[in-house]
Amino acid sequence: IHDFFYTGISVGWTWGYGEGLATGNLIAKNHVYQIGQGLLS
Protein backbone atom coordinates (compact mmCIF):
# COMPACT_ATOMS: atom_id res chain seq x y z
CA ILE A 1 0.00 0.00 0.00
CA HIS A 2 1.66 3.23 -1.07
CA ASP A 3 1.19 6.73 -2.44
CA PHE A 4 -1.68 7.92 -0.25
CA PHE A 5 -2.16 11.31 1.39
CA TYR A 6 -3.68 9.95 4.59
CA THR A 7 -3.51 6.63 6.46
CA GLY A 8 -2.39 3.32 4.94
CA ILE A 9 -4.52 0.92 7.03
CA SER A 10 -7.24 1.95 9.50
CA VAL A 11 -8.93 -0.45 11.94
CA GLY A 12 -11.88 0.38 14.21
CA TRP A 13 -14.62 3.01 14.43
CA THR A 14 -15.34 3.53 18.14
CA TRP A 15 -13.82 6.59 19.84
CA GLY A 16 -13.22 5.82 23.50
CA TYR A 17 -14.13 2.79 25.58
CA GLY A 18 -17.62 2.06 24.29
CA GLU A 19 -18.68 -1.02 22.38
CA GLY A 20 -16.55 -1.83 19.36
CA LEU A 21 -16.59 -4.78 16.96
CA ALA A 22 -13.13 -4.50 15.38
CA THR A 23 -11.73 -7.38 17.42
CA GLY A 24 -9.55 -10.29 16.36
CA ASN A 25 -8.26 -8.75 13.13
CA LEU A 26 -4.88 -9.82 11.76
CA ILE A 27 -2.67 -7.26 10.00
CA ALA A 28 0.44 -9.10 8.81
CA LYS A 29 3.25 -8.98 6.26
CA ASN A 30 2.12 -5.71 4.66
CA HIS A 31 4.44 -3.11 3.14
CA VAL A 32 3.01 0.37 3.71
CA TYR A 33 4.97 3.43 2.61
CA GLN A 34 4.84 6.89 1.03
CA ILE A 35 1.93 7.83 3.29
CA GLY A 36 0.73 11.35 4.09
CA GLN A 37 3.29 13.05 1.87
CA GLY A 38 3.06 16.22 3.96
CA LEU A 39 -0.51 17.04 2.93
CA LEU A 40 -2.65 16.03 5.94
CA SER A 41 -2.14 15.69 9.70
PDB file of all heavy atoms in Angstrom:
ATOM      1  N   ILE A   1       0.871  -1.184   0.000  1.00  0.00           N
ATOM      2  CA  ILE A   1       0.000   0.000   0.000  1.00  0.00           C
ATOM      3  C   ILE A   1       0.899   1.222   0.000  1.00  0.00           C
ATOM      4  O   ILE A   1       1.704   1.404   0.916  1.00  0.00           O
ATOM      5  CB  ILE A   1      -0.908   0.007   1.246  1.00  0.00           C
ATOM      6  CG1 ILE A   1      -1.774  -1.258   1.289  1.00  0.00           C
ATOM      7  CG2 ILE A   1      -1.776   1.262   1.283  1.00  0.00           C
ATOM      8  CD1 ILE A   1      -2.508  -1.451   2.598  1.00  0.00           C
ATOM      9  N   HIS A   2       0.778   2.058  -1.016  1.00  0.00           N
ATOM     10  CA  HIS A   2       1.656   3.230  -1.069  1.00  0.00           C
ATOM     11  C   HIS A   2       1.038   4.338  -1.910  1.00  0.00           C
ATOM     12  O   HIS A   2       0.078   4.128  -2.659  1.00  0.00           O
ATOM     13  CB  HIS A   2       3.038   2.851  -1.611  1.00  0.00           C
ATOM     14  CG  HIS A   2       3.048   2.325  -3.019  1.00  0.00           C
ATOM     15  ND1 HIS A   2       3.322   3.115  -4.107  1.00  0.00           N
ATOM     16  CD2 HIS A   2       2.834   1.081  -3.504  1.00  0.00           C
ATOM     17  CE1 HIS A   2       3.275   2.389  -5.213  1.00  0.00           C
ATOM     18  NE2 HIS A   2       2.977   1.138  -4.875  1.00  0.00           N
ATOM     19  N   ASP A   3       1.610   5.529  -1.727  1.00  0.00           N
ATOM     20  CA  ASP A   3       1.188   6.727  -2.438  1.00  0.00           C
ATOM     21  C   ASP A   3      -0.246   7.115  -2.072  1.00  0.00           C
ATOM     22  O   ASP A   3      -1.139   7.180  -2.913  1.00  0.00           O
ATOM     23  CB  ASP A   3       1.336   6.550  -3.952  1.00  0.00           C
ATOM     24  CG  ASP A   3       1.253   7.886  -4.707  1.00  0.00           C
ATOM     25  OD1 ASP A   3       1.052   8.932  -4.043  1.00  0.00           O
ATOM     26  OD2 ASP A   3       1.398   7.878  -5.953  1.00  0.00           O
ATOM     27  N   PHE A   4      -0.431   7.377  -0.774  1.00  0.00           N
ATOM     28  CA  PHE A   4      -1.683   7.921  -0.248  1.00  0.00           C
ATOM     29  C   PHE A   4      -1.365   9.188   0.533  1.00  0.00           C
ATOM     30  O   PHE A   4      -0.244   9.363   1.032  1.00  0.00           O
ATOM     31  CB  PHE A   4      -2.386   6.911   0.669  1.00  0.00           C
ATOM     32  CG  PHE A   4      -3.211   5.887  -0.070  1.00  0.00           C
ATOM     33  CD1 PHE A   4      -2.607   4.766  -0.633  1.00  0.00           C
ATOM     34  CD2 PHE A   4      -4.577   6.039  -0.216  1.00  0.00           C
ATOM     35  CE1 PHE A   4      -3.347   3.835  -1.324  1.00  0.00           C
ATOM     36  CE2 PHE A   4      -5.337   5.113  -0.902  1.00  0.00           C
ATOM     37  CZ  PHE A   4      -4.718   3.998  -1.465  1.00  0.00           C
ATOM     38  N   PHE A   5      -2.358  10.052   0.682  1.00  0.00           N
ATOM     39  CA  PHE A   5      -2.162  11.312   1.393  1.00  0.00           C
ATOM     40  C   PHE A   5      -2.646  11.256   2.834  1.00  0.00           C
ATOM     41  O   PHE A   5      -2.521  12.222   3.576  1.00  0.00           O
ATOM     42  CB  PHE A   5      -2.878  12.440   0.652  1.00  0.00           C
ATOM     43  CG  PHE A   5      -2.387  12.613  -0.761  1.00  0.00           C
ATOM     44  CD1 PHE A   5      -3.174  12.238  -1.836  1.00  0.00           C
ATOM     45  CD2 PHE A   5      -1.116  13.110  -1.012  1.00  0.00           C
ATOM     46  CE1 PHE A   5      -2.720  12.386  -3.133  1.00  0.00           C
ATOM     47  CE2 PHE A   5      -0.649  13.256  -2.300  1.00  0.00           C
ATOM     48  CZ  PHE A   5      -1.451  12.890  -3.376  1.00  0.00           C
ATOM     49  N   TYR A   6      -3.233  10.123   3.209  1.00  0.00           N
ATOM     50  CA  TYR A   6      -3.678   9.946   4.589  1.00  0.00           C
ATOM     51  C   TYR A   6      -3.176   8.579   5.065  1.00  0.00           C
ATOM     52  O   TYR A   6      -2.068   8.180   4.728  1.00  0.00           O
ATOM     53  CB  TYR A   6      -5.196  10.111   4.673  1.00  0.00           C
ATOM     54  CG  TYR A   6      -5.742  10.243   6.072  1.00  0.00           C
ATOM     55  CD1 TYR A   6      -5.231  11.192   6.953  1.00  0.00           C
ATOM     56  CD2 TYR A   6      -6.757   9.411   6.515  1.00  0.00           C
ATOM     57  CE1 TYR A   6      -5.716  11.298   8.243  1.00  0.00           C
ATOM     58  CE2 TYR A   6      -7.260   9.519   7.803  1.00  0.00           C
ATOM     59  CZ  TYR A   6      -6.734  10.455   8.666  1.00  0.00           C
ATOM     60  OH  TYR A   6      -7.225  10.568   9.943  1.00  0.00           O
ATOM     61  N   THR A   7      -3.956   7.848   5.804  1.00  0.00           N
ATOM     62  CA  THR A   7      -3.507   6.630   6.464  1.00  0.00           C
ATOM     63  C   THR A   7      -3.467   5.429   5.511  1.00  0.00           C
ATOM     64  O   THR A   7      -4.309   5.303   4.618  1.00  0.00           O
ATOM     65  CB  THR A   7      -4.440   6.352   7.655  1.00  0.00           C
ATOM     66  OG1 THR A   7      -4.172   7.331   8.669  1.00  0.00           O
ATOM     67  CG2 THR A   7      -4.279   4.982   8.216  1.00  0.00           C
ATOM     68  N   GLY A   8      -2.496   4.525   5.758  1.00  0.00           N
ATOM     69  CA  GLY A   8      -2.395   3.325   4.936  1.00  0.00           C
ATOM     70  C   GLY A   8      -3.459   2.296   5.272  1.00  0.00           C
ATOM     71  O   GLY A   8      -4.215   1.842   4.400  1.00  0.00           O
ATOM     72  N   ILE A   9      -3.530   1.889   6.544  1.00  0.00           N
ATOM     73  CA  ILE A   9      -4.515   0.923   7.032  1.00  0.00           C
ATOM     74  C   ILE A   9      -5.179   1.513   8.266  1.00  0.00           C
ATOM     75  O   ILE A   9      -4.500   2.034   9.156  1.00  0.00           O
ATOM     76  CB  ILE A   9      -3.867  -0.428   7.388  1.00  0.00           C
ATOM     77  CG1 ILE A   9      -3.177  -1.044   6.157  1.00  0.00           C
ATOM     78  CG2 ILE A   9      -4.897  -1.398   7.947  1.00  0.00           C
ATOM     79  CD1 ILE A   9      -2.337  -2.273   6.484  1.00  0.00           C
ATOM     80  N   SER A  10      -6.503   1.437   8.350  1.00  0.00           N
ATOM     81  CA  SER A  10      -7.242   1.953   9.498  1.00  0.00           C
ATOM     82  C   SER A  10      -8.166   0.860  10.017  1.00  0.00           C
ATOM     83  O   SER A  10      -8.892   0.239   9.240  1.00  0.00           O
ATOM     84  CB  SER A  10      -8.058   3.192   9.094  1.00  0.00           C
ATOM     85  OG  SER A  10      -8.762   3.719  10.203  1.00  0.00           O
ATOM     86  N   VAL A  11      -8.134   0.620  11.341  1.00  0.00           N
ATOM     87  CA  VAL A  11      -8.934  -0.450  11.940  1.00  0.00           C
ATOM     88  C   VAL A  11      -9.711   0.104  13.135  1.00  0.00           C
ATOM     89  O   VAL A  11      -9.119   0.623  14.079  1.00  0.00           O
ATOM     90  CB  VAL A  11      -8.044  -1.624  12.396  1.00  0.00           C
ATOM     91  CG1 VAL A  11      -8.920  -2.781  12.890  1.00  0.00           C
ATOM     92  CG2 VAL A  11      -7.127  -2.096  11.276  1.00  0.00           C
ATOM     93  N   GLY A  12     -11.049  -0.035  13.089  1.00  0.00           N
ATOM     94  CA  GLY A  12     -11.885   0.376  14.206  1.00  0.00           C
ATOM     95  C   GLY A  12     -12.645   1.663  13.940  1.00  0.00           C
ATOM     96  O   GLY A  12     -12.203   2.512  13.166  1.00  0.00           O
ATOM     97  N   TRP A  13     -13.818   1.812  14.617  1.00  0.00           N
ATOM     98  CA  TRP A  13     -14.620   3.008  14.433  1.00  0.00           C
ATOM     99  C   TRP A  13     -15.385   3.370  15.706  1.00  0.00           C
ATOM    100  O   TRP A  13     -16.501   3.856  15.677  1.00  0.00           O
ATOM    101  CB  TRP A  13     -15.577   2.827  13.241  1.00  0.00           C
ATOM    102  CG  TRP A  13     -16.089   4.124  12.704  1.00  0.00           C
ATOM    103  CD1 TRP A  13     -17.339   4.661  12.874  1.00  0.00           C
ATOM    104  CD2 TRP A  13     -15.358   5.073  11.911  1.00  0.00           C
ATOM    105  NE1 TRP A  13     -17.437   5.879  12.248  1.00  0.00           N
ATOM    106  CE2 TRP A  13     -16.236   6.164  11.638  1.00  0.00           C
ATOM    107  CE3 TRP A  13     -14.065   5.120  11.414  1.00  0.00           C
ATOM    108  CZ2 TRP A  13     -15.842   7.269  10.892  1.00  0.00           C
ATOM    109  CZ3 TRP A  13     -13.685   6.216  10.664  1.00  0.00           C
ATOM    110  CH2 TRP A  13     -14.555   7.264  10.406  1.00  0.00           C
ATOM    111  N   THR A  14     -14.754   3.121  16.860  1.00  0.00           N
ATOM    112  CA  THR A  14     -15.338   3.533  18.137  1.00  0.00           C
ATOM    113  C   THR A  14     -14.334   4.416  18.859  1.00  0.00           C
ATOM    114  O   THR A  14     -13.243   3.957  19.212  1.00  0.00           O
ATOM    115  CB  THR A  14     -15.682   2.320  19.021  1.00  0.00           C
ATOM    116  OG1 THR A  14     -16.679   1.532  18.365  1.00  0.00           O
ATOM    117  CG2 THR A  14     -16.211   2.770  20.373  1.00  0.00           C
ATOM    118  N   TRP A  15     -14.678   5.679  19.080  1.00  0.00           N
ATOM    119  CA  TRP A  15     -13.822   6.592  19.838  1.00  0.00           C
ATOM    120  C   TRP A  15     -14.089   6.377  21.326  1.00  0.00           C
ATOM    121  O   TRP A  15     -15.230   6.500  21.781  1.00  0.00           O
ATOM    122  CB  TRP A  15     -14.103   8.034  19.458  1.00  0.00           C
ATOM    123  CG  TRP A  15     -13.399   8.487  18.214  1.00  0.00           C
ATOM    124  CD1 TRP A  15     -12.258   9.238  18.140  1.00  0.00           C
ATOM    125  CD2 TRP A  15     -13.777   8.220  16.859  1.00  0.00           C
ATOM    126  NE1 TRP A  15     -11.908   9.438  16.824  1.00  0.00           N
ATOM    127  CE2 TRP A  15     -12.815   8.831  16.012  1.00  0.00           C
ATOM    128  CE3 TRP A  15     -14.818   7.498  16.268  1.00  0.00           C
ATOM    129  CZ2 TRP A  15     -12.870   8.769  14.632  1.00  0.00           C
ATOM    130  CZ3 TRP A  15     -14.883   7.427  14.886  1.00  0.00           C
ATOM    131  CH2 TRP A  15     -13.916   8.053  14.083  1.00  0.00           C
ATOM    132  N   GLY A  16     -13.049   6.023  22.076  1.00  0.00           N
ATOM    133  CA  GLY A  16     -13.222   5.825  23.502  1.00  0.00           C
ATOM    134  C   GLY A  16     -13.465   4.360  23.841  1.00  0.00           C
ATOM    135  O   GLY A  16     -13.165   3.449  23.066  1.00  0.00           O
ATOM    136  N   TYR A  17     -14.036   4.140  25.028  1.00  0.00           N
ATOM    137  CA  TYR A  17     -14.129   2.793  25.582  1.00  0.00           C
ATOM    138  C   TYR A  17     -15.511   2.168  25.440  1.00  0.00           C
ATOM    139  O   TYR A  17     -15.838   1.215  26.151  1.00  0.00           O
ATOM    140  CB  TYR A  17     -13.706   2.820  27.050  1.00  0.00           C
ATOM    141  CG  TYR A  17     -12.263   3.243  27.242  1.00  0.00           C
ATOM    142  CD1 TYR A  17     -11.945   4.435  27.905  1.00  0.00           C
ATOM    143  CD2 TYR A  17     -11.223   2.468  26.746  1.00  0.00           C
ATOM    144  CE1 TYR A  17     -10.624   4.821  28.075  1.00  0.00           C
ATOM    145  CE2 TYR A  17      -9.906   2.850  26.911  1.00  0.00           C
ATOM    146  CZ  TYR A  17      -9.609   4.027  27.577  1.00  0.00           C
ATOM    147  OH  TYR A  17      -8.299   4.402  27.732  1.00  0.00           O
ATOM    148  N   GLY A  18     -16.316   2.660  24.526  1.00  0.00           N
ATOM    149  CA  GLY A  18     -17.620   2.062  24.288  1.00  0.00           C
ATOM    150  C   GLY A  18     -17.518   0.774  23.486  1.00  0.00           C
ATOM    151  O   GLY A  18     -16.436   0.288  23.162  1.00  0.00           O
ATOM    152  N   GLU A  19     -18.661   0.233  23.143  1.00  0.00           N
ATOM    153  CA  GLU A  19     -18.684  -1.018  22.383  1.00  0.00           C
ATOM    154  C   GLU A  19     -17.995  -0.847  21.035  1.00  0.00           C
ATOM    155  O   GLU A  19     -18.195   0.142  20.336  1.00  0.00           O
ATOM    156  CB  GLU A  19     -20.130  -1.479  22.155  1.00  0.00           C
ATOM    157  CG  GLU A  19     -20.233  -2.805  21.418  1.00  0.00           C
ATOM    158  CD  GLU A  19     -21.662  -3.219  21.127  1.00  0.00           C
ATOM    159  OE1 GLU A  19     -22.570  -2.400  21.355  1.00  0.00           O
ATOM    160  OE2 GLU A  19     -21.869  -4.361  20.653  1.00  0.00           O
ATOM    161  N   GLY A  20     -17.212  -1.822  20.662  1.00  0.00           N
ATOM    162  CA  GLY A  20     -16.551  -1.829  19.363  1.00  0.00           C
ATOM    163  C   GLY A  20     -16.450  -3.244  18.851  1.00  0.00           C
ATOM    164  O   GLY A  20     -16.241  -4.185  19.622  1.00  0.00           O
ATOM    165  N   LEU A  21     -16.571  -3.432  17.541  1.00  0.00           N
ATOM    166  CA  LEU A  21     -16.588  -4.777  16.960  1.00  0.00           C
ATOM    167  C   LEU A  21     -15.308  -5.135  16.225  1.00  0.00           C
ATOM    168  O   LEU A  21     -15.194  -6.238  15.692  1.00  0.00           O
ATOM    169  CB  LEU A  21     -17.773  -4.922  15.992  1.00  0.00           C
ATOM    170  CG  LEU A  21     -19.171  -4.714  16.566  1.00  0.00           C
ATOM    171  CD1 LEU A  21     -20.218  -5.033  15.504  1.00  0.00           C
ATOM    172  CD2 LEU A  21     -19.395  -5.567  17.803  1.00  0.00           C
ATOM    173  N   ALA A  22     -14.337  -4.236  16.179  1.00  0.00           N
ATOM    174  CA  ALA A  22     -13.131  -4.499  15.376  1.00  0.00           C
ATOM    175  C   ALA A  22     -12.124  -5.338  16.172  1.00  0.00           C
ATOM    176  O   ALA A  22     -10.974  -4.951  16.362  1.00  0.00           O
ATOM    177  CB  ALA A  22     -12.510  -3.193  14.915  1.00  0.00           C
ATOM    178  N   THR A  23     -12.556  -6.503  16.604  1.00  0.00           N
ATOM    179  CA  THR A  23     -11.725  -7.376  17.420  1.00  0.00           C
ATOM    180  C   THR A  23     -11.186  -8.531  16.569  1.00  0.00           C
ATOM    181  O   THR A  23     -11.766  -8.907  15.557  1.00  0.00           O
ATOM    182  CB  THR A  23     -12.530  -7.946  18.596  1.00  0.00           C
ATOM    183  OG1 THR A  23     -13.672  -8.636  18.073  1.00  0.00           O
ATOM    184  CG2 THR A  23     -13.000  -6.833  19.520  1.00  0.00           C
ATOM    185  N   GLY A  24     -10.068  -9.082  16.994  1.00  0.00           N
ATOM    186  CA  GLY A  24      -9.552 -10.286  16.357  1.00  0.00           C
ATOM    187  C   GLY A  24      -9.141 -10.137  14.913  1.00  0.00           C
ATOM    188  O   GLY A  24      -9.153 -11.115  14.158  1.00  0.00           O
ATOM    189  N   ASN A  25      -8.754  -8.941  14.498  1.00  0.00           N
ATOM    190  CA  ASN A  25      -8.258  -8.748  13.134  1.00  0.00           C
ATOM    191  C   ASN A  25      -6.761  -9.026  13.075  1.00  0.00           C
ATOM    192  O   ASN A  25      -6.032  -8.736  14.026  1.00  0.00           O
ATOM    193  CB  ASN A  25      -8.543  -7.328  12.651  1.00  0.00           C
ATOM    194  CG  ASN A  25     -10.024  -7.092  12.431  1.00  0.00           C
ATOM    195  OD1 ASN A  25     -10.629  -7.649  11.534  1.00  0.00           O
ATOM    196  ND2 ASN A  25     -10.628  -6.253  13.278  1.00  0.00           N
ATOM    197  N   LEU A  26      -6.298  -9.559  11.957  1.00  0.00           N
ATOM    198  CA  LEU A  26      -4.876  -9.823  11.761  1.00  0.00           C
ATOM    199  C   LEU A  26      -4.357  -8.931  10.644  1.00  0.00           C
ATOM    200  O   LEU A  26      -4.859  -8.975   9.516  1.00  0.00           O
ATOM    201  CB  LEU A  26      -4.638 -11.284  11.388  1.00  0.00           C
ATOM    202  CG  LEU A  26      -3.176 -11.646  11.036  1.00  0.00           C
ATOM    203  CD1 LEU A  26      -2.270 -11.451  12.236  1.00  0.00           C
ATOM    204  CD2 LEU A  26      -3.087 -13.072  10.504  1.00  0.00           C
ATOM    205  N   ILE A  27      -3.332  -8.137  10.959  1.00  0.00           N
ATOM    206  CA  ILE A  27      -2.667  -7.261   9.996  1.00  0.00           C
ATOM    207  C   ILE A  27      -1.227  -7.738   9.907  1.00  0.00           C
ATOM    208  O   ILE A  27      -0.437  -7.492  10.817  1.00  0.00           O
ATOM    209  CB  ILE A  27      -2.725  -5.782  10.442  1.00  0.00           C
ATOM    210  CG1 ILE A  27      -4.133  -5.391  10.932  1.00  0.00           C
ATOM    211  CG2 ILE A  27      -2.237  -4.876   9.327  1.00  0.00           C
ATOM    212  CD1 ILE A  27      -5.215  -5.464   9.897  1.00  0.00           C
ATOM    213  N   ALA A  28      -0.859  -8.433   8.840  1.00  0.00           N
ATOM    214  CA  ALA A  28       0.439  -9.100   8.812  1.00  0.00           C
ATOM    215  C   ALA A  28       1.103  -9.033   7.446  1.00  0.00           C
ATOM    216  O   ALA A  28       0.431  -9.102   6.408  1.00  0.00           O
ATOM    217  CB  ALA A  28       0.274 -10.569   9.220  1.00  0.00           C
ATOM    218  N   LYS A  29       2.420  -8.874   7.459  1.00  0.00           N
ATOM    219  CA  LYS A  29       3.251  -8.977   6.257  1.00  0.00           C
ATOM    220  C   LYS A  29       2.907  -7.938   5.190  1.00  0.00           C
ATOM    221  O   LYS A  29       3.076  -8.189   3.998  1.00  0.00           O
ATOM    222  CB  LYS A  29       3.134 -10.385   5.651  1.00  0.00           C
ATOM    223  CG  LYS A  29       3.583 -11.512   6.554  1.00  0.00           C
ATOM    224  CD  LYS A  29       5.089 -11.569   6.674  1.00  0.00           C
ATOM    225  CE  LYS A  29       5.561 -12.760   7.470  1.00  0.00           C
ATOM    226  NZ  LYS A  29       7.042 -12.847   7.560  1.00  0.00           N
ATOM    227  N   ASN A  30       2.438  -6.783   5.604  1.00  0.00           N
ATOM    228  CA  ASN A  30       2.120  -5.714   4.658  1.00  0.00           C
ATOM    229  C   ASN A  30       3.278  -4.729   4.554  1.00  0.00           C
ATOM    230  O   ASN A  30       3.998  -4.487   5.526  1.00  0.00           O
ATOM    231  CB  ASN A  30       0.849  -4.979   5.100  1.00  0.00           C
ATOM    232  CG  ASN A  30      -0.341  -5.915   5.186  1.00  0.00           C
ATOM    233  OD1 ASN A  30      -0.881  -6.341   4.167  1.00  0.00           O
ATOM    234  ND2 ASN A  30      -0.736  -6.258   6.401  1.00  0.00           N
ATOM    235  N   HIS A  31       3.429  -4.139   3.378  1.00  0.00           N
ATOM    236  CA  HIS A  31       4.438  -3.108   3.138  1.00  0.00           C
ATOM    237  C   HIS A  31       3.698  -1.809   2.844  1.00  0.00           C
ATOM    238  O   HIS A  31       3.030  -1.677   1.814  1.00  0.00           O
ATOM    239  CB  HIS A  31       5.317  -3.507   1.946  1.00  0.00           C
ATOM    240  CG  HIS A  31       6.499  -2.615   1.757  1.00  0.00           C
ATOM    241  ND1 HIS A  31       7.294  -2.652   0.637  1.00  0.00           N
ATOM    242  CD2 HIS A  31       7.042  -1.638   2.563  1.00  0.00           C
ATOM    243  CE1 HIS A  31       8.271  -1.750   0.744  1.00  0.00           C
ATOM    244  NE2 HIS A  31       8.125  -1.127   1.902  1.00  0.00           N
ATOM    245  N   VAL A  32       3.780  -0.873   3.787  1.00  0.00           N
ATOM    246  CA  VAL A  32       3.009   0.371   3.709  1.00  0.00           C
ATOM    247  C   VAL A  32       3.990   1.540   3.735  1.00  0.00           C
ATOM    248  O   VAL A  32       4.738   1.705   4.706  1.00  0.00           O
ATOM    249  CB  VAL A  32       2.020   0.471   4.893  1.00  0.00           C
ATOM    250  CG1 VAL A  32       1.199   1.750   4.789  1.00  0.00           C
ATOM    251  CG2 VAL A  32       1.103  -0.755   4.935  1.00  0.00           C
ATOM    252  N   TYR A  33       3.979   2.359   2.700  1.00  0.00           N
ATOM    253  CA  TYR A  33       4.972   3.431   2.607  1.00  0.00           C
ATOM    254  C   TYR A  33       4.460   4.566   1.723  1.00  0.00           C
ATOM    255  O   TYR A  33       3.433   4.451   1.069  1.00  0.00           O
ATOM    256  CB  TYR A  33       6.296   2.893   2.073  1.00  0.00           C
ATOM    257  CG  TYR A  33       6.237   2.293   0.681  1.00  0.00           C
ATOM    258  CD1 TYR A  33       6.658   3.016  -0.430  1.00  0.00           C
ATOM    259  CD2 TYR A  33       5.770   0.998   0.478  1.00  0.00           C
ATOM    260  CE1 TYR A  33       6.612   2.481  -1.714  1.00  0.00           C
ATOM    261  CE2 TYR A  33       5.717   0.447  -0.794  1.00  0.00           C
ATOM    262  CZ  TYR A  33       6.139   1.182  -1.881  1.00  0.00           C
ATOM    263  OH  TYR A  33       6.088   0.640  -3.141  1.00  0.00           O
ATOM    264  N   GLN A  34       5.202   5.672   1.751  1.00  0.00           N
ATOM    265  CA  GLN A  34       4.836   6.893   1.027  1.00  0.00           C
ATOM    266  C   GLN A  34       3.415   7.308   1.400  1.00  0.00           C
ATOM    267  O   GLN A  34       2.526   7.441   0.574  1.00  0.00           O
ATOM    268  CB  GLN A  34       4.943   6.681  -0.495  1.00  0.00           C
ATOM    269  CG  GLN A  34       5.000   7.980  -1.300  1.00  0.00           C
ATOM    270  CD  GLN A  34       5.082   7.736  -2.803  1.00  0.00           C
ATOM    271  OE1 GLN A  34       5.211   6.601  -3.256  1.00  0.00           O
ATOM    272  NE2 GLN A  34       4.997   8.799  -3.564  1.00  0.00           N
ATOM    273  N   ILE A  35       3.230   7.520   2.702  1.00  0.00           N
ATOM    274  CA  ILE A  35       1.928   7.827   3.289  1.00  0.00           C
ATOM    275  C   ILE A  35       1.945   9.267   3.807  1.00  0.00           C
ATOM    276  O   ILE A  35       2.912   9.717   4.405  1.00  0.00           O
ATOM    277  CB  ILE A  35       1.617   6.847   4.440  1.00  0.00           C
ATOM    278  CG1 ILE A  35       1.568   5.402   3.926  1.00  0.00           C
ATOM    279  CG2 ILE A  35       0.329   7.224   5.148  1.00  0.00           C
ATOM    280  CD1 ILE A  35       0.514   5.132   2.894  1.00  0.00           C
ATOM    281  N   GLY A  36       0.846   9.975   3.608  1.00  0.00           N
ATOM    282  CA  GLY A  36       0.725  11.353   4.086  1.00  0.00           C
ATOM    283  C   GLY A  36       1.315  12.368   3.140  1.00  0.00           C
ATOM    284  O   GLY A  36       0.665  13.327   2.751  1.00  0.00           O
ATOM    285  N   GLN A  37       2.582  12.205   2.836  1.00  0.00           N
ATOM    286  CA  GLN A  37       3.286  13.046   1.874  1.00  0.00           C
ATOM    287  C   GLN A  37       3.198  14.536   2.201  1.00  0.00           C
ATOM    288  O   GLN A  37       3.232  15.401   1.322  1.00  0.00           O
ATOM    289  CB  GLN A  37       2.779  12.767   0.456  1.00  0.00           C
ATOM    290  CG  GLN A  37       2.928  11.299   0.055  1.00  0.00           C
ATOM    291  CD  GLN A  37       2.515  11.010  -1.355  1.00  0.00           C
ATOM    292  OE1 GLN A  37       3.088  11.547  -2.301  1.00  0.00           O
ATOM    293  NE2 GLN A  37       1.510  10.151  -1.514  1.00  0.00           N
ATOM    294  N   GLY A  38       3.047  14.840   3.513  1.00  0.00           N
ATOM    295  CA  GLY A  38       3.060  16.223   3.960  1.00  0.00           C
ATOM    296  C   GLY A  38       1.787  16.998   3.711  1.00  0.00           C
ATOM    297  O   GLY A  38       1.743  18.204   3.956  1.00  0.00           O
ATOM    298  N   LEU A  39       0.723  16.322   3.274  1.00  0.00           N
ATOM    299  CA  LEU A  39      -0.506  17.042   2.926  1.00  0.00           C
ATOM    300  C   LEU A  39      -1.476  17.157   4.093  1.00  0.00           C
ATOM    301  O   LEU A  39      -2.060  18.210   4.328  1.00  0.00           O
ATOM    302  CB  LEU A  39      -1.189  16.354   1.747  1.00  0.00           C
ATOM    303  CG  LEU A  39      -2.394  17.091   1.178  1.00  0.00           C
ATOM    304  CD1 LEU A  39      -1.962  18.396   0.515  1.00  0.00           C
ATOM    305  CD2 LEU A  39      -3.136  16.217   0.167  1.00  0.00           C
ATOM    306  N   LEU A  40      -1.683  16.052   4.848  1.00  0.00           N
ATOM    307  CA  LEU A  40      -2.650  16.031   5.943  1.00  0.00           C
ATOM    308  C   LEU A  40      -1.953  15.709   7.264  1.00  0.00           C
ATOM    309  O   LEU A  40      -0.829  15.214   7.279  1.00  0.00           O
ATOM    310  CB  LEU A  40      -3.749  15.004   5.662  1.00  0.00           C
ATOM    311  CG  LEU A  40      -4.606  15.265   4.421  1.00  0.00           C
ATOM    312  CD1 LEU A  40      -5.585  14.127   4.197  1.00  0.00           C
ATOM    313  CD2 LEU A  40      -5.352  16.588   4.555  1.00  0.00           C
ATOM    314  N   SER A  41      -2.669  15.949   8.362  1.00  0.00           N
ATOM    315  CA  SER A  41      -2.139  15.688   9.702  1.00  0.00           C
ATOM    316  C   SER A  41      -2.920  14.571  10.381  1.00  0.00           C
ATOM    317  O   SER A  41      -3.976  14.144   9.902  1.00  0.00           O
ATOM    318  CB  SER A  41      -2.224  16.960  10.550  1.00  0.00           C
ATOM    319  OG  SER A  41      -1.443  17.989   9.989  1.00  0.00           O
TER     320      SER A  41
END
